[in-house]
Amino acid sequence: MTEIRLNLITRAWVIIAKEKSKKPEDFVIRRVKKRHPDFLDTCPFCTGNESKTPEEVFRVHGDNGWNIRVVRHKFSKLSEEGERKRWDIGVKKGVNGIGIHELIVETPIHNLTTATMSVEQLMGVVQTYKDRFTEIYKDPRVEYVIIFKNNGPSAGTSIEHPLSQIVGLPITPLQIRERFEASMKFFDDTGDCLMCKTIHDELHDGVRVLFNTEHFLSFIPYAALSAFHIWVFPKRHSGCFADIRPEEMQDLSVNLKSIMAKLYVGLDCPDFNYVIRSGRPSSTNSEFIHWYMSIVPRVDMTTGFELGTGMHVNSLVPEISAEFLRNVKVPEYYT
């Protein structure tokens, strides 16, 4: 029978059609694969083409040049110059579109992806996330910072070179505020952090767990919003990503590499998004905010029902998707 599960963290209802559920193999999108070179002379993000990008604001040096570069986003929708000013005139409310938008060029090598990058390179990317996250929050005009990655056309980008993005906004988006409020209410009602309780329950159930490492738990949520939707939770309670420790960065990189390799092999290199959801640095010691990473393979589509109701439809039972990914055998050359 169909189940409607409540995702306590997002406060979204999810329809999971058990009897009509698809098989994991149904989500493999077969397409003609292009053979991408490790260097492309027309790509502005490849080594030697640095002059083709906007201003560089940060660099991680390597033995043969650079390992990671951070540049301003050429097509940012936000203006970095100016003051943050709000207006409130009757029903007309707003704020100047001030903000910071940067591209993180994760590697000089054009044809890598998260699944095929080394753990060491991913650690450098995570460290860069932390450095830029901390730096952008120093701007008094910035109220909220988000880190995310789009990979592939259905995830919102046609750029092949491995890139992440970080954006400093002059407001806190409604979705973020609503999730913080839901976590605060859960804490007020139970005395527990919602994410810490989720870690406890997922470990107890076991059926949705993908990786249980020293510092992180990676799993398919009980009420996953879509097929193969994955969460990576730090076991140590902390409200802010900037609080991540060196040993946790290494562990997060291992989890991210392992997850993406399984998706790459098991689902034939799907498009994906991932995002780091975090409180502000001032929320580090919050009892109810707990930062985490969300990974969303783009293997299904949003329909009018979802747009019209605000509910989600997951056509793959979360326990089945977790079992499928656990059983994916990753060739040694990906590890």
Protein backbone atom coordinates (compact mmCIF):
# COMPACT_ATOMS: atom_id res chain seq x y z
CA MET A 1 0.00 0.00 0.00
CA THR A 2 1.11 3.56 -0.69
CA GLU A 3 2.66 5.36 2.28
CA ILE A 4 2.79 9.09 2.93
CA ARG A 5 5.83 9.78 5.08
CA LEU A 6 6.64 13.06 6.82
CA ASN A 7 10.17 14.39 6.51
CA LEU A 8 10.60 16.07 9.89
CA ILE A 9 13.61 18.13 8.79
CA THR A 10 12.07 19.63 5.65
CA ARG A 11 8.48 19.44 6.99
CA ALA A 12 7.43 18.00 3.62
CA TRP A 13 5.07 15.09 3.07
CA VAL A 14 6.39 12.45 0.67
CA ILE A 15 4.24 9.95 -1.22
CA ILE A 16 6.01 6.60 -1.51
CA ALA A 17 4.07 4.23 -3.75
CA LYS A 18 5.31 0.90 -2.45
CA GLU A 19 3.12 -1.30 -4.65
CA LYS A 20 3.91 0.67 -7.82
CA SER A 21 7.48 1.50 -6.92
CA LYS A 22 10.06 1.52 -9.68
CA LYS A 23 13.21 -0.59 -9.60
CA PRO A 24 16.57 1.12 -9.03
CA GLU A 25 17.63 0.16 -12.56
CA ASP A 26 14.73 2.20 -13.94
CA PHE A 27 16.56 5.37 -12.92
CA VAL A 28 19.67 4.71 -14.99
CA ILE A 29 19.66 7.25 -17.80
CA ARG A 30 21.44 5.75 -20.77
CA ARG A 31 23.05 8.31 -23.00
CA VAL A 32 25.87 8.53 -25.48
CA LYS A 33 28.98 9.32 -23.47
CA LYS A 34 31.39 11.92 -24.75
CA ARG A 35 35.08 11.39 -24.29
CA HIS A 36 36.26 14.58 -22.62
CA PRO A 37 39.96 15.49 -22.71
CA ASP A 38 41.83 16.39 -19.54
CA PHE A 39 42.56 19.78 -21.10
CA LEU A 40 40.38 21.87 -23.41
CA ASP A 41 41.85 25.02 -24.91
CA THR A 42 38.40 26.66 -25.13
CA CYS A 43 37.61 26.03 -21.44
CA PRO A 44 38.30 29.14 -19.31
CA PHE A 45 38.84 26.98 -16.22
CA CYS A 46 41.65 24.80 -17.58
CA THR A 47 45.32 25.43 -16.80
CA GLY A 48 46.79 28.16 -18.98
CA ASN A 49 43.44 29.87 -19.55
CA GLU A 50 43.39 31.79 -16.28
CA SER A 51 43.14 35.13 -18.11
CA LYS A 52 39.74 34.07 -19.48
CA THR A 53 38.09 34.03 -16.06
CA PRO A 54 36.96 36.95 -13.90
CA GLU A 55 39.15 38.13 -11.06
CA GLU A 56 40.76 35.43 -8.92
CA VAL A 57 40.09 35.87 -5.20
CA PHE A 58 41.71 32.73 -3.77
CA ARG A 59 44.15 30.03 -4.85
CA VAL A 60 45.46 26.73 -3.51
CA HIS A 61 48.95 26.26 -4.94
CA GLY A 62 50.16 22.91 -6.26
CA ASP A 63 53.46 21.44 -7.41
CA ASN A 64 52.83 22.41 -11.02
CA GLY A 65 50.82 25.60 -10.61
CA TRP A 66 47.46 25.58 -8.86
CA ASN A 67 45.22 22.87 -7.47
CA ILE A 68 42.12 25.01 -6.77
CA ARG A 69 41.12 28.50 -7.83
CA VAL A 70 38.25 30.71 -6.65
CA VAL A 71 37.03 33.40 -9.05
CA ARG A 72 34.16 35.83 -9.11
CA HIS A 73 31.07 34.56 -10.93
CA LYS A 74 30.89 36.28 -14.30
CA PHE A 75 27.09 36.03 -14.46
CA SER A 76 26.26 36.68 -10.83
CA LYS A 77 22.71 37.91 -10.22
CA LEU A 78 24.00 39.84 -7.19
CA SER A 79 25.99 43.07 -7.07
CA GLU A 80 29.13 43.06 -4.94
CA GLU A 81 29.31 46.85 -4.79
CA GLY A 82 26.94 48.97 -2.74
CA GLU A 83 25.11 48.97 0.56
CA ARG A 84 22.39 46.67 1.83
CA LYS A 85 19.21 48.68 2.10
CA ARG A 86 15.74 47.36 2.86
CA TRP A 87 12.41 48.98 1.99
CA ASP A 88 8.95 48.45 3.41
CA ILE A 89 6.20 50.40 1.69
CA GLY A 90 2.81 48.85 2.30
CA VAL A 91 2.83 45.42 0.66
CA LYS A 92 6.01 46.28 -1.23
CA LYS A 93 9.01 44.94 0.67
CA GLY A 94 12.51 44.27 -0.57
CA VAL A 95 16.25 44.63 -0.21
CA ASN A 96 19.03 45.71 -2.56
CA GLY A 97 20.48 42.81 -4.51
CA ILE A 98 23.86 43.03 -2.78
CA GLY A 99 25.87 39.85 -2.36
CA ILE A 100 28.92 37.77 -3.17
CA HIS A 101 28.93 34.98 -5.74
CA GLU A 102 32.07 32.94 -6.38
CA LEU A 103 33.01 29.92 -8.49
CA ILE A 104 35.31 27.30 -6.98
CA VAL A 105 37.38 25.65 -9.72
CA GLU A 106 37.97 22.31 -8.01
CA THR A 107 40.82 21.03 -10.18
CA PRO A 108 42.85 22.02 -13.25
CA ILE A 109 41.89 18.70 -14.91
CA HIS A 110 38.93 19.19 -17.22
CA ASN A 111 37.45 15.68 -17.30
CA LEU A 112 37.34 14.82 -13.61
CA THR A 113 34.17 14.61 -11.56
CA THR A 114 33.55 14.22 -7.84
CA ALA A 115 33.45 10.43 -8.28
CA THR A 116 36.83 10.28 -10.00
CA MET A 117 38.72 12.90 -7.98
CA SER A 118 41.08 11.70 -5.27
CA VAL A 119 40.19 11.98 -1.59
CA GLU A 120 43.15 14.37 -1.20
CA GLN A 121 41.78 16.68 -3.89
CA LEU A 122 38.32 16.59 -2.32
CA MET A 123 39.86 17.47 1.04
CA GLY A 124 41.35 20.55 -0.62
CA VAL A 125 37.91 21.44 -1.99
CA VAL A 126 36.27 21.03 1.44
CA GLN A 127 39.01 23.16 3.04
CA THR A 128 38.40 25.81 0.38
CA TYR A 129 34.68 25.70 1.14
CA LYS A 130 35.47 26.38 4.79
CA ASP A 131 37.94 29.18 4.02
CA ARG A 132 35.60 31.03 1.66
CA PHE A 133 32.53 30.39 3.84
CA THR A 134 34.32 31.97 6.81
CA GLU A 135 35.67 34.88 4.76
CA ILE A 136 32.35 35.78 3.12
CA TYR A 137 30.59 35.86 6.48
CA LYS A 138 32.98 38.64 7.53
CA ASP A 139 31.13 40.98 5.15
CA PRO A 140 28.51 42.76 7.34
CA ARG A 141 26.14 42.96 4.37
CA VAL A 142 25.93 39.16 4.15
CA GLU A 143 23.23 37.47 6.17
CA TYR A 144 23.40 33.90 4.84
CA VAL A 145 26.00 31.85 2.91
CA ILE A 146 25.25 28.75 0.86
CA ILE A 147 27.69 26.29 -0.76
CA PHE A 148 26.46 24.11 -3.61
CA LYS A 149 27.43 22.19 -6.72
CA ASN A 150 25.50 21.71 -9.98
CA ASN A 151 26.69 18.92 -12.26
CA GLY A 152 25.05 18.24 -15.61
CA PRO A 153 22.24 19.85 -17.67
CA SER A 154 19.35 18.52 -15.57
CA ALA A 155 21.12 19.88 -12.48
CA GLY A 156 21.32 23.38 -13.94
CA THR A 157 24.61 23.61 -15.82
CA SER A 158 26.15 22.66 -19.16
CA ILE A 159 29.71 23.42 -18.01
CA GLU A 160 31.84 20.28 -17.96
CA HIS A 161 34.76 21.49 -15.85
CA PRO A 162 34.43 20.56 -12.13
CA LEU A 163 33.05 23.63 -10.35
CA SER A 164 31.29 24.46 -7.09
CA GLN A 165 29.67 27.73 -6.09
CA ILE A 166 29.38 29.80 -2.93
CA VAL A 167 26.93 32.65 -2.51
CA GLY A 168 26.61 35.25 0.24
CA LEU A 169 23.05 36.63 0.40
CA PRO A 170 21.77 39.81 2.06
CA ILE A 171 18.78 37.87 3.47
CA THR A 172 18.07 34.48 5.02
CA PRO A 173 15.80 32.57 2.59
CA LEU A 174 12.39 31.52 3.88
CA GLN A 175 13.14 27.81 3.43
CA ILE A 176 16.20 28.12 5.67
CA ARG A 177 14.27 30.01 8.36
CA GLU A 178 11.45 27.47 8.29
CA ARG A 179 13.87 24.58 8.76
CA PHE A 180 15.61 26.31 11.65
CA GLU A 181 12.23 26.98 13.24
CA ALA A 182 11.20 23.32 12.82
CA SER A 183 14.45 22.22 14.47
CA MET A 184 13.92 24.69 17.30
CA LYS A 185 10.36 23.46 17.87
CA PHE A 186 11.55 19.84 17.94
CA PHE A 187 14.19 20.79 20.51
CA ASP A 188 11.63 22.67 22.61
CA ASP A 189 9.24 19.69 22.50
CA THR A 190 11.77 16.91 23.12
CA GLY A 191 15.00 18.41 24.43
CA ASP A 192 16.85 16.72 21.54
CA CYS A 193 18.54 18.02 18.39
CA LEU A 194 16.45 16.77 15.46
CA MET A 195 19.54 15.79 13.43
CA CYS A 196 21.18 14.00 16.36
CA LYS A 197 17.93 12.09 16.94
CA THR A 198 17.81 11.26 13.23
CA ILE A 199 21.36 9.85 13.39
CA HIS A 200 20.37 7.70 16.37
CA ASP A 201 17.23 6.37 14.67
CA GLU A 202 18.90 5.71 11.30
CA LEU A 203 21.71 3.77 13.01
CA HIS A 204 19.11 1.81 14.97
CA ASP A 205 17.11 0.94 11.84
CA GLY A 206 20.22 0.35 9.72
CA VAL A 207 18.31 -0.32 6.49
CA ARG A 208 18.88 3.12 4.95
CA VAL A 209 22.52 3.58 6.01
CA LEU A 210 25.12 3.81 3.24
CA PHE A 211 28.31 4.61 5.19
CA ASN A 212 28.87 4.79 8.92
CA THR A 213 32.32 6.26 9.50
CA GLU A 214 33.99 7.72 12.56
CA HIS A 215 32.70 11.26 12.09
CA PHE A 216 29.80 11.03 9.59
CA LEU A 217 26.70 9.04 8.78
CA SER A 218 25.59 8.88 5.13
CA PHE A 219 22.09 7.56 4.51
CA ILE A 220 18.89 7.69 2.46
CA PRO A 221 16.32 9.52 4.66
CA TYR A 222 13.19 7.68 5.81
CA ALA A 223 11.11 10.21 3.88
CA ALA A 224 13.58 10.93 1.07
CA LEU A 225 12.19 13.67 -1.15
CA SER A 226 13.31 11.93 -4.35
CA ALA A 227 14.95 8.74 -5.58
CA PHE A 228 18.48 8.28 -4.20
CA HIS A 229 18.29 11.53 -2.20
CA ILE A 230 21.19 11.25 0.27
CA TRP A 231 22.07 13.06 3.49
CA VAL A 232 25.52 13.21 5.11
CA PHE A 233 25.32 14.16 8.79
CA PRO A 234 28.27 14.97 11.06
CA LYS A 235 28.01 12.89 14.22
CA ARG A 236 29.45 15.68 16.36
CA HIS A 237 26.74 18.22 17.05
CA SER A 238 27.65 21.58 15.53
CA GLY A 239 25.52 24.35 14.14
CA CYS A 240 27.98 25.68 11.57
CA PHE A 241 30.05 24.14 8.78
CA ALA A 242 32.92 26.53 9.63
CA ASP A 243 33.38 24.53 12.84
CA ILE A 244 34.48 21.41 10.91
CA ARG A 245 37.79 19.94 12.15
CA PRO A 246 40.67 18.58 10.00
CA GLU A 247 39.89 14.94 10.81
CA GLU A 248 36.23 15.59 9.94
CA MET A 249 37.17 17.17 6.62
CA GLN A 250 39.09 14.02 5.73
CA ASP A 251 36.15 11.83 6.76
CA LEU A 252 33.64 13.97 4.87
CA SER A 253 35.81 13.72 1.75
CA VAL A 254 35.86 9.92 2.06
CA ASN A 255 32.07 9.83 2.41
CA LEU A 256 31.56 12.20 -0.53
CA LYS A 257 33.98 10.26 -2.74
CA SER A 258 32.41 6.90 -1.80
CA ILE A 259 28.84 8.09 -2.38
CA MET A 260 29.56 9.72 -5.71
CA ALA A 261 31.54 6.70 -6.93
CA LYS A 262 28.57 4.43 -6.19
CA LEU A 263 26.19 6.79 -7.97
CA TYR A 264 28.63 7.09 -10.89
CA VAL A 265 28.90 3.33 -11.32
CA GLY A 266 25.42 2.25 -10.24
CA LEU A 267 23.40 4.92 -12.06
CA ASP A 268 25.73 5.52 -14.99
CA CYS A 269 27.08 8.95 -14.01
CA PRO A 270 23.85 10.85 -13.26
CA ASP A 271 23.55 14.62 -13.13
CA PHE A 272 23.43 15.81 -9.55
CA ASN A 273 23.30 18.71 -7.13
CA TYR A 274 24.69 18.88 -3.66
CA VAL A 275 24.41 21.58 -1.02
CA ILE A 276 25.84 22.22 2.43
CA ARG A 277 23.07 23.36 4.78
CA SER A 278 24.49 25.27 7.70
CA GLY A 279 23.81 27.89 10.31
CA ARG A 280 25.81 31.09 10.59
CA PRO A 281 29.13 31.10 12.51
CA SER A 282 27.21 32.63 15.41
CA SER A 283 25.09 29.43 15.45
CA THR A 284 28.05 27.12 16.07
CA ASN A 285 27.01 26.38 19.64
CA SER A 286 23.28 26.31 18.94
CA GLU A 287 21.55 23.40 20.67
CA PHE A 288 19.07 22.85 17.83
CA ILE A 289 20.91 23.78 14.57
CA HIS A 290 23.03 20.98 13.07
CA TRP A 291 24.75 21.45 9.70
CA TYR A 292 24.76 18.70 7.05
CA MET A 293 25.21 17.93 3.34
CA SER A 294 22.41 16.97 0.95
CA ILE A 295 23.11 15.12 -2.33
CA VAL A 296 20.38 14.92 -4.99
CA PRO A 297 20.94 12.81 -8.14
CA ARG A 298 18.74 14.20 -10.93
CA VAL A 299 17.14 10.94 -12.02
CA ASP A 300 13.48 11.96 -11.77
CA MET A 301 11.42 15.04 -12.56
CA THR A 302 9.09 17.39 -10.71
CA THR A 303 5.46 17.25 -11.84
CA GLY A 304 2.47 19.54 -11.60
CA PHE A 305 1.18 17.58 -8.61
CA GLU A 306 4.31 18.41 -6.65
CA LEU A 307 4.25 22.06 -7.72
CA GLY A 308 0.56 22.34 -6.87
CA THR A 309 0.61 20.62 -3.47
CA GLY A 310 4.10 21.22 -2.11
CA MET A 311 4.26 17.46 -1.51
CA HIS A 312 6.91 15.21 -3.03
CA VAL A 313 6.52 11.92 -4.87
CA ASN A 314 9.34 9.41 -4.47
CA SER A 315 8.78 6.53 -6.86
CA LEU A 316 11.56 4.44 -5.31
CA VAL A 317 11.24 3.12 -1.77
CA PRO A 318 14.13 4.62 0.26
CA GLU A 319 15.08 1.27 1.79
CA ILE A 320 15.39 -0.26 -1.69
CA SER A 321 17.52 2.60 -3.02
CA ALA A 322 19.84 2.29 -0.01
CA GLU A 323 20.19 -1.45 -0.51
CA PHE A 324 20.92 -0.94 -4.20
CA LEU A 325 23.71 1.57 -3.53
CA ARG A 326 25.25 -0.55 -0.78
CA ASN A 327 25.51 -3.43 -3.25
CA VAL A 328 27.12 -1.38 -6.04
CA LYS A 329 30.66 -2.66 -6.61
CA VAL A 330 33.03 0.21 -7.36
CA PRO A 331 36.08 -0.75 -9.48
CA GLU A 332 39.44 -0.21 -7.79
CA TYR A 333 40.48 2.53 -10.19
CA TYR A 334 37.72 4.77 -8.74
CA THR A 335 38.96 4.34 -5.18
